[in-house]
Amino acid sequence: MVDMRPIQPPTGAYRNPPDGHLPERCPQCGCILEHFKTGIRNDVLEPVVRRTTELESVGAAHPALPAIVTPPQPATVAQPAAVAQPAAVPRPAAVPPVRHPLTETLAILDNPQLGGKVTICVLLYGDHHTLHRRCLSTIVQTVPPSRMELRVATNQVCLDTVNYLATLPITKVYSDTKNRHKYPAMRQMFWDPILPITTPWIVWFDDDSYVRPEAKEWLRTAAEAILSLPAHEPRLGMLGNIMRHPLVLKDAKDPRTWFRNAAWWRNKNFRTAQDQHAPNGNQIFFCTGGFWLLKTEAMRICDIPDKRLNHNGGDVCLGEQLHQNDFTIQEFNRAKCYIHTSAAARRGFHETFLWYR
């Protein structure tokens, strides 16, 4: 490196001669004097390399010139190699939440009578994954998760169904590796002490029921039916496909006794086929059990389902429980126009109605 410090002049030993001409060299040592003038410090920068060469020729013979020592240069500290920083991973663009296609359609559920959502209960049985998928897929396709609490009870279901349930927005699964039958399973879902039902309405599906492709707005239609009732209408307890069941003597045994012994019995006469109350009435009007909507208040007041029920005849019993406690039933899903029920051959357990035993 070239040192560009100012060259130091001789220490006061030289003055300009009278003729004003500075000697080219020092008469004592031969040092070039062209850069020095009397009493004036020269600011011209001269490479030390040249000056040093000249001074080396002088050696120690010139006591007026101090030895020029190049100051030691600071040691060069090796800088650590720059650590390569990982390339910034581009942040993915925010994906807007997927809105269910029927979200706006079901805004009707925000009416205080409907509470914003429904509780849908489904019972699955056996190694019938195709039926299970058909039923549940049509429910989740037509009801947004924000509009339902989905409870599923399983009786001896196959592994394919278990895996499928894990992909669905289910609130709770009530699993049984045996077969506790329909109404014990229903009671477990309805009267869960850990997760009580909080919605004003409950919807029931058997596993062989499913929403028809052309009836995607079935829940909105049901909500409109509930809200369309006049103010003077007696308490509505259930909507479904209404049928009538006659209670007939069997082996000289009166089946009406079984109903009259229930804790929910309120001493109201059974009805006739013309829907009239009569002492000799023997008819029960009910909604078929594959699909219906039940008011939660009615479920609690009537203690639905009856604890004595096992598997068959429960829909008939529900009809009389509502009747005895002054709840009405309304026609909905006539001719299975919204929900296709009993869409498979009868499977599993079968029993005689309890009131005929």
Protein backbone atom coordinates (compact mmCIF):
# COMPACT_ATOMS: atom_id res chain seq x y z
CA MET A 1 0.00 0.00 0.00
CA VAL A 2 1.31 3.49 -0.85
CA ASP A 3 1.60 5.85 2.15
CA MET A 4 0.44 9.33 1.15
CA ARG A 5 1.55 11.19 4.29
CA PRO A 6 3.13 14.67 3.76
CA ILE A 7 6.89 14.59 3.36
CA GLN A 8 8.60 16.23 6.39
CA PRO A 9 10.97 19.11 5.54
CA PRO A 10 14.52 19.29 6.94
CA THR A 11 14.57 20.77 10.47
CA GLY A 12 15.54 24.45 9.91
CA ALA A 13 18.97 23.76 8.41
CA TYR A 14 18.28 25.28 5.02
CA ARG A 15 17.35 28.72 3.84
CA ASN A 16 16.98 30.12 0.37
CA PRO A 17 20.20 31.51 -0.99
CA PRO A 18 20.30 35.25 -1.78
CA ASP A 19 19.63 34.67 -5.44
CA GLY A 20 16.38 32.92 -4.54
CA HIS A 21 17.33 29.60 -6.07
CA LEU A 22 17.00 26.54 -3.93
CA PRO A 23 19.77 24.03 -4.45
CA GLU A 24 18.66 20.90 -6.07
CA ARG A 25 20.37 18.73 -3.48
CA CYS A 26 21.58 19.05 0.06
CA PRO A 27 25.23 19.99 0.04
CA GLN A 28 25.83 17.63 2.96
CA CYS A 29 23.91 14.52 2.04
CA GLY A 30 22.68 14.99 -1.49
CA CYS A 31 19.00 14.87 -0.52
CA ILE A 32 16.70 16.37 -3.11
CA LEU A 33 15.38 19.70 -1.80
CA GLU A 34 12.95 20.75 -4.51
CA HIS A 35 9.93 20.17 -2.23
CA PHE A 36 11.15 22.36 0.66
CA LYS A 37 11.12 26.11 1.13
CA THR A 38 12.38 28.26 3.97
CA GLY A 39 10.03 28.38 6.94
CA ILE A 40 7.06 26.95 4.99
CA ARG A 41 5.76 23.45 5.55
CA ASN A 42 5.18 21.69 2.30
CA ASP A 43 1.76 20.04 1.92
CA VAL A 44 2.60 18.18 -1.22
CA LEU A 45 2.03 14.52 -0.79
CA GLU A 46 4.89 12.37 -1.79
CA PRO A 47 4.91 8.59 -1.84
CA VAL A 48 6.98 7.24 1.02
CA VAL A 49 8.41 4.73 -1.36
CA ARG A 50 10.28 7.53 -3.19
CA ARG A 51 11.30 9.34 0.03
CA THR A 52 12.46 6.18 1.65
CA THR A 53 14.61 5.39 -1.30
CA GLU A 54 16.20 8.79 -1.08
CA LEU A 55 16.74 8.56 2.66
CA GLU A 56 18.28 5.15 2.32
CA SER A 57 20.96 6.85 0.22
CA VAL A 58 21.49 9.29 3.08
CA GLY A 59 21.68 6.66 5.79
CA ALA A 60 22.76 7.99 9.20
CA ALA A 61 24.87 10.80 7.71
CA HIS A 62 22.06 13.35 7.91
CA PRO A 63 21.24 13.91 11.60
CA ALA A 64 18.61 16.51 10.81
CA LEU A 65 16.29 14.07 9.11
CA PRO A 66 14.41 11.77 11.49
CA ALA A 67 14.04 8.25 10.38
CA ILE A 68 10.65 7.67 8.84
CA VAL A 69 9.05 4.57 10.17
CA THR A 70 5.93 3.31 8.58
CA PRO A 71 3.42 2.75 11.41
CA PRO A 72 2.36 -0.82 11.81
CA GLN A 73 -0.85 -1.62 10.04
CA PRO A 74 -3.60 -3.20 12.09
CA ALA A 75 -3.79 -6.89 11.65
CA THR A 76 -6.47 -7.94 9.26
CA VAL A 77 -9.11 -9.87 11.16
CA ALA A 78 -10.71 -12.55 9.11
CA GLN A 79 -14.40 -11.90 8.91
CA PRO A 80 -16.65 -14.89 9.39
CA ALA A 81 -18.26 -16.07 6.25
CA ALA A 82 -21.74 -14.76 5.88
CA VAL A 83 -24.28 -17.34 6.92
CA ALA A 84 -26.70 -17.95 4.13
CA GLN A 85 -30.18 -17.07 5.26
CA PRO A 86 -32.93 -19.43 4.21
CA ALA A 87 -35.06 -18.07 1.46
CA ALA A 88 -38.27 -16.58 2.73
CA VAL A 89 -41.16 -18.91 2.17
CA PRO A 90 -43.93 -17.00 0.48
CA ARG A 91 -47.03 -16.87 2.64
CA PRO A 92 -49.99 -18.44 0.86
CA ALA A 93 -52.79 -16.14 0.00
CA ALA A 94 -55.61 -16.18 2.52
CA VAL A 95 -58.33 -18.58 1.44
CA PRO A 96 -61.80 -17.25 2.19
CA PRO A 97 -63.98 -19.67 4.16
CA VAL A 98 -66.19 -21.79 2.00
CA ARG A 99 -69.79 -20.82 2.47
CA HIS A 100 -72.38 -23.55 2.37
CA PRO A 101 -74.65 -22.96 -0.65
CA LEU A 102 -77.75 -22.95 1.57
CA THR A 103 -76.45 -20.61 4.28
CA GLU A 104 -78.56 -17.66 3.18
CA THR A 105 -81.60 -19.79 2.46
CA LEU A 106 -81.71 -20.98 6.07
CA ALA A 107 -81.62 -17.48 7.56
CA ILE A 108 -85.27 -18.19 8.42
CA LEU A 109 -83.97 -20.28 11.32
CA ASP A 110 -82.90 -17.07 13.04
CA ASN A 111 -86.54 -16.57 14.04
CA PRO A 112 -86.72 -16.81 17.87
CA GLN A 113 -89.16 -19.72 17.60
CA LEU A 114 -86.52 -21.74 15.76
CA GLY A 115 -83.39 -20.67 17.62
CA GLY A 116 -80.96 -20.45 14.71
CA LYS A 117 -80.27 -24.17 14.37
CA VAL A 118 -81.72 -27.66 14.85
CA THR A 119 -80.41 -30.83 16.45
CA ILE A 120 -80.34 -33.67 13.93
CA CYS A 121 -80.18 -37.21 15.30
CA VAL A 122 -79.31 -40.20 13.11
CA LEU A 123 -79.25 -43.90 14.01
CA LEU A 124 -76.96 -46.20 12.01
CA TYR A 125 -77.00 -49.96 12.16
CA GLY A 126 -74.87 -52.79 10.84
CA ASP A 127 -72.60 -53.41 7.89
CA HIS A 128 -74.49 -51.11 5.54
CA HIS A 129 -72.01 -48.36 4.69
CA THR A 130 -73.75 -47.42 1.44
CA LEU A 131 -76.97 -46.63 3.30
CA HIS A 132 -75.11 -44.74 6.02
CA ARG A 133 -73.21 -42.60 3.52
CA ARG A 134 -76.34 -41.88 1.50
CA CYS A 135 -78.26 -40.73 4.56
CA LEU A 136 -75.54 -38.57 6.12
CA SER A 137 -74.19 -37.08 2.91
CA THR A 138 -77.60 -35.70 1.97
CA ILE A 139 -77.93 -34.15 5.42
CA VAL A 140 -74.57 -32.35 5.37
CA GLN A 141 -75.15 -31.25 1.78
CA THR A 142 -78.43 -29.56 2.67
CA VAL A 143 -77.76 -28.21 6.17
CA PRO A 144 -74.70 -26.02 6.94
CA PRO A 145 -72.73 -27.00 10.07
CA SER A 146 -73.62 -23.61 11.56
CA ARG A 147 -77.30 -24.53 11.37
CA MET A 148 -77.23 -27.91 13.07
CA GLU A 149 -75.87 -30.03 15.86
CA LEU A 150 -75.43 -33.48 14.39
CA ARG A 151 -75.64 -36.46 16.75
CA VAL A 152 -75.06 -39.97 15.43
CA ALA A 153 -75.74 -43.24 17.26
CA THR A 154 -74.11 -46.37 15.87
CA ASN A 155 -75.11 -49.99 16.47
CA GLN A 156 -72.56 -52.58 15.28
CA VAL A 157 -71.48 -50.47 12.29
CA CYS A 158 -68.68 -51.44 9.90
CA LEU A 159 -65.20 -49.89 9.78
CA ASP A 160 -65.97 -47.99 6.56
CA THR A 161 -68.76 -46.19 8.37
CA VAL A 162 -66.55 -45.44 11.38
CA ASN A 163 -63.95 -43.87 9.08
CA TYR A 164 -66.57 -41.91 7.19
CA LEU A 165 -67.99 -40.44 10.39
CA ALA A 166 -64.56 -38.97 11.15
CA THR A 167 -64.86 -36.74 8.07
CA LEU A 168 -68.20 -35.18 9.01
CA PRO A 169 -69.12 -32.17 11.21
CA ILE A 170 -70.61 -34.37 13.94
CA THR A 171 -71.24 -32.96 17.39
CA LYS A 172 -71.13 -36.35 19.12
CA VAL A 173 -71.08 -40.04 18.23
CA TYR A 174 -72.88 -42.52 20.51
CA SER A 175 -71.17 -45.79 19.68
CA ASP A 176 -72.28 -49.30 20.61
CA THR A 177 -70.45 -52.40 19.39
CA LYS A 178 -73.57 -54.43 20.13
CA ASN A 179 -77.13 -53.46 19.24
CA ARG A 180 -78.93 -51.49 21.92
CA HIS A 181 -81.86 -51.01 19.51
CA LYS A 182 -83.56 -47.88 18.32
CA TYR A 183 -85.29 -46.31 21.31
CA PRO A 184 -82.58 -46.86 23.94
CA ALA A 185 -80.21 -45.20 21.44
CA MET A 186 -82.70 -42.37 20.90
CA ARG A 187 -83.07 -41.82 24.61
CA GLN A 188 -79.29 -41.72 25.02
CA MET A 189 -79.07 -38.91 22.45
CA PHE A 190 -82.10 -36.96 23.70
CA TRP A 191 -81.28 -37.13 27.40
CA ASP A 192 -77.50 -36.80 27.37
CA PRO A 193 -76.62 -35.24 30.77
CA ILE A 194 -73.20 -34.12 29.52
CA LEU A 195 -74.46 -32.58 26.28
CA PRO A 196 -78.14 -31.64 26.71
CA ILE A 197 -80.07 -30.55 23.67
CA THR A 198 -80.39 -26.76 23.55
CA THR A 199 -82.11 -26.20 20.20
CA PRO A 200 -85.90 -25.65 20.06
CA TRP A 201 -86.37 -28.45 17.50
CA ILE A 202 -85.01 -31.98 16.96
CA VAL A 203 -84.93 -33.79 13.61
CA TRP A 204 -84.81 -37.59 13.41
CA PHE A 205 -83.44 -39.75 10.56
CA ASP A 206 -83.32 -43.53 10.34
CA ASP A 207 -80.31 -44.69 8.35
CA ASP A 208 -82.47 -45.79 5.41
CA SER A 209 -83.90 -42.26 5.04
CA TYR A 210 -82.31 -39.59 2.88
CA VAL A 211 -83.03 -36.17 1.40
CA ARG A 212 -84.34 -36.30 -2.15
CA PRO A 213 -82.09 -34.52 -4.70
CA GLU A 214 -84.88 -32.12 -5.66
CA ALA A 215 -85.65 -31.23 -2.02
CA LYS A 216 -82.45 -29.46 -0.94
CA GLU A 217 -84.47 -26.80 0.87
CA TRP A 218 -86.43 -29.24 2.98
CA LEU A 219 -85.41 -27.61 6.26
CA ARG A 220 -86.44 -24.15 5.10
CA THR A 221 -89.80 -25.60 4.03
CA ALA A 222 -90.25 -27.21 7.45
CA ALA A 223 -89.37 -23.92 9.15
CA GLU A 224 -91.95 -22.10 7.06
CA ALA A 225 -94.56 -24.70 8.04
CA ILE A 226 -93.81 -24.15 11.73
CA LEU A 227 -93.95 -20.36 11.46
CA SER A 228 -97.11 -20.36 9.33
CA LEU A 229 -99.35 -21.74 12.08
CA PRO A 230 -101.89 -19.21 13.37
CA ALA A 231 -101.52 -17.83 16.86
CA HIS A 232 -104.59 -19.71 18.12
CA GLU A 233 -103.24 -23.08 16.97
CA PRO A 234 -102.76 -25.54 19.87
CA ARG A 235 -99.18 -26.36 20.76
CA LEU A 236 -97.37 -27.92 17.82
CA GLY A 237 -95.28 -30.88 18.94
CA MET A 238 -94.27 -32.75 15.81
CA LEU A 239 -94.17 -32.56 12.01
CA GLY A 240 -94.07 -35.69 9.86
CA ASN A 241 -95.99 -38.08 7.65
CA ILE A 242 -99.16 -38.81 9.67
CA MET A 243 -100.66 -42.27 9.92
CA ARG A 244 -103.22 -43.95 12.19
CA HIS A 245 -102.80 -47.07 14.32
CA PRO A 246 -105.83 -48.99 15.70
CA LEU A 247 -105.58 -50.66 19.09
CA VAL A 248 -107.44 -53.95 18.88
CA LEU A 249 -108.07 -56.66 21.41
CA LYS A 250 -105.68 -59.58 21.17
CA ASP A 251 -106.18 -62.76 23.15
CA ALA A 252 -108.78 -60.90 25.20
CA LYS A 253 -106.12 -58.41 26.24
CA ASP A 254 -106.78 -54.68 25.90
CA PRO A 255 -103.64 -52.98 24.51
CA ARG A 256 -104.81 -49.59 25.82
CA THR A 257 -103.83 -50.69 29.33
CA TRP A 258 -100.14 -50.51 28.44
CA PHE A 259 -100.52 -46.83 27.53
CA ARG A 260 -102.67 -45.99 30.54
CA ASN A 261 -99.98 -47.33 32.84
CA ALA A 262 -97.40 -44.84 31.55
CA ALA A 263 -96.11 -41.99 33.71
CA TRP A 264 -96.96 -39.52 30.93
CA TRP A 265 -100.64 -40.60 30.74
CA ARG A 266 -103.04 -37.69 31.44
CA ASN A 267 -106.41 -39.55 31.36
CA LYS A 268 -107.48 -38.23 27.98
CA ASN A 269 -109.67 -40.55 25.93
CA PHE A 270 -108.27 -42.23 22.88
CA ARG A 271 -109.62 -40.96 19.59
CA THR A 272 -111.85 -42.51 16.99
CA ALA A 273 -110.96 -42.99 13.35
CA GLN A 274 -112.63 -39.61 12.75
CA ASP A 275 -110.20 -37.99 15.19
CA GLN A 276 -112.83 -37.51 17.87
CA HIS A 277 -112.25 -38.18 21.56
CA ALA A 278 -114.48 -40.97 22.87
CA PRO A 279 -114.58 -43.35 25.86
CA ASN A 280 -114.40 -46.24 23.44
CA GLY A 281 -111.76 -44.59 21.23
CA ASN A 282 -109.01 -46.91 20.12
CA GLN A 283 -107.00 -44.94 17.56
CA ILE A 284 -103.56 -43.33 17.79
CA PHE A 285 -102.43 -40.74 15.23
CA PHE A 286 -98.67 -40.60 14.83
CA CYS A 287 -95.84 -39.61 12.50
CA THR A 288 -93.97 -42.45 10.82
CA GLY A 289 -90.67 -43.17 12.52
CA GLY A 290 -88.16 -42.87 9.66
CA PHE A 291 -88.16 -39.07 9.73
CA TRP A 292 -89.84 -36.34 11.76
CA LEU A 293 -89.29 -33.01 13.53
CA LEU A 294 -90.01 -32.86 17.28
CA LYS A 295 -90.24 -29.81 19.49
CA THR A 296 -87.68 -30.08 22.30
CA GLU A 297 -90.19 -28.73 24.83
CA ALA A 298 -92.56 -31.56 23.93
CA MET A 299 -89.76 -34.12 24.21
CA ARG A 300 -89.10 -33.05 27.79
CA ILE A 301 -92.71 -32.66 28.93
CA CYS A 302 -93.76 -36.00 27.42
CA ASP A 303 -90.56 -37.81 28.46
CA ILE A 304 -89.89 -38.96 24.88
CA PRO A 305 -89.14 -41.72 24.16
CA ASP A 306 -90.89 -43.88 26.72
CA LYS A 307 -88.28 -45.74 28.76
CA ARG A 308 -90.09 -49.03 28.15
CA LEU A 309 -89.65 -48.87 24.39
CA ASN A 310 -87.10 -51.10 22.72
CA HIS A 311 -87.19 -51.19 18.93
CA ASN A 312 -90.61 -51.49 17.27
CA GLY A 313 -93.75 -49.43 17.74
CA GLY A 314 -92.07 -46.37 19.21
CA ASP A 315 -93.50 -43.98 16.62
CA VAL A 316 -97.03 -45.02 17.63
CA CYS A 317 -96.19 -44.50 21.28
CA LEU A 318 -94.74 -41.03 20.57
CA GLY A 319 -98.02 -40.06 18.93
CA GLU A 320 -100.01 -40.85 22.06
CA GLN A 321 -97.46 -39.25 24.36
CA LEU A 322 -97.93 -35.98 22.48
CA HIS A 323 -101.72 -36.33 22.44
CA GLN A 324 -101.95 -36.95 26.17
CA ASN A 325 -99.92 -33.79 26.87
CA ASP A 326 -101.90 -31.51 24.55
CA PHE A 327 -99.37 -31.32 21.72
CA THR A 328 -100.52 -31.57 18.12
CA ILE A 329 -98.90 -33.14 15.09
CA GLN A 330 -98.88 -31.60 11.61
CA GLU A 331 -98.52 -33.19 8.21
CA PHE A 332 -95.12 -32.78 6.59
CA ASN A 333 -93.34 -34.88 3.96
CA ARG A 334 -96.55 -36.27 2.50
CA ALA A 335 -95.85 -39.03 -0.02
CA LYS A 336 -92.18 -38.77 1.00
CA CYS A 337 -91.83 -35.67 -1.14
CA TYR A 338 -88.84 -34.26 0.79
CA ILE A 339 -87.32 -37.16 2.70
CA HIS A 340 -87.41 -40.66 1.24
CA THR A 341 -88.01 -42.98 4.21
CA SER A 342 -87.84 -46.78 4.47
CA ALA A 343 -85.66 -46.76 1.35
CA ALA A 344 -84.22 -50.22 2.05
CA ALA A 345 -85.43 -53.66 3.00
CA ARG A 346 -86.10 -54.14 6.70
CA ARG A 347 -82.94 -55.24 8.52
CA GLY A 348 -81.91 -56.34 11.96
CA PHE A 349 -84.04 -56.87 15.01
CA HIS A 350 -87.82 -57.16 14.91
CA GLU A 351 -90.31 -57.55 17.76
CA THR A 352 -94.02 -57.56 18.56
CA PHE A 353 -95.44 -54.29 19.84
CA LEU A 354 -95.10 -54.13 23.60
CA TRP A 355 -98.84 -53.49 24.18
CA TYR A 356 -99.69 -56.80 22.55
CA ARG A 357 -97.46 -58.93 24.76
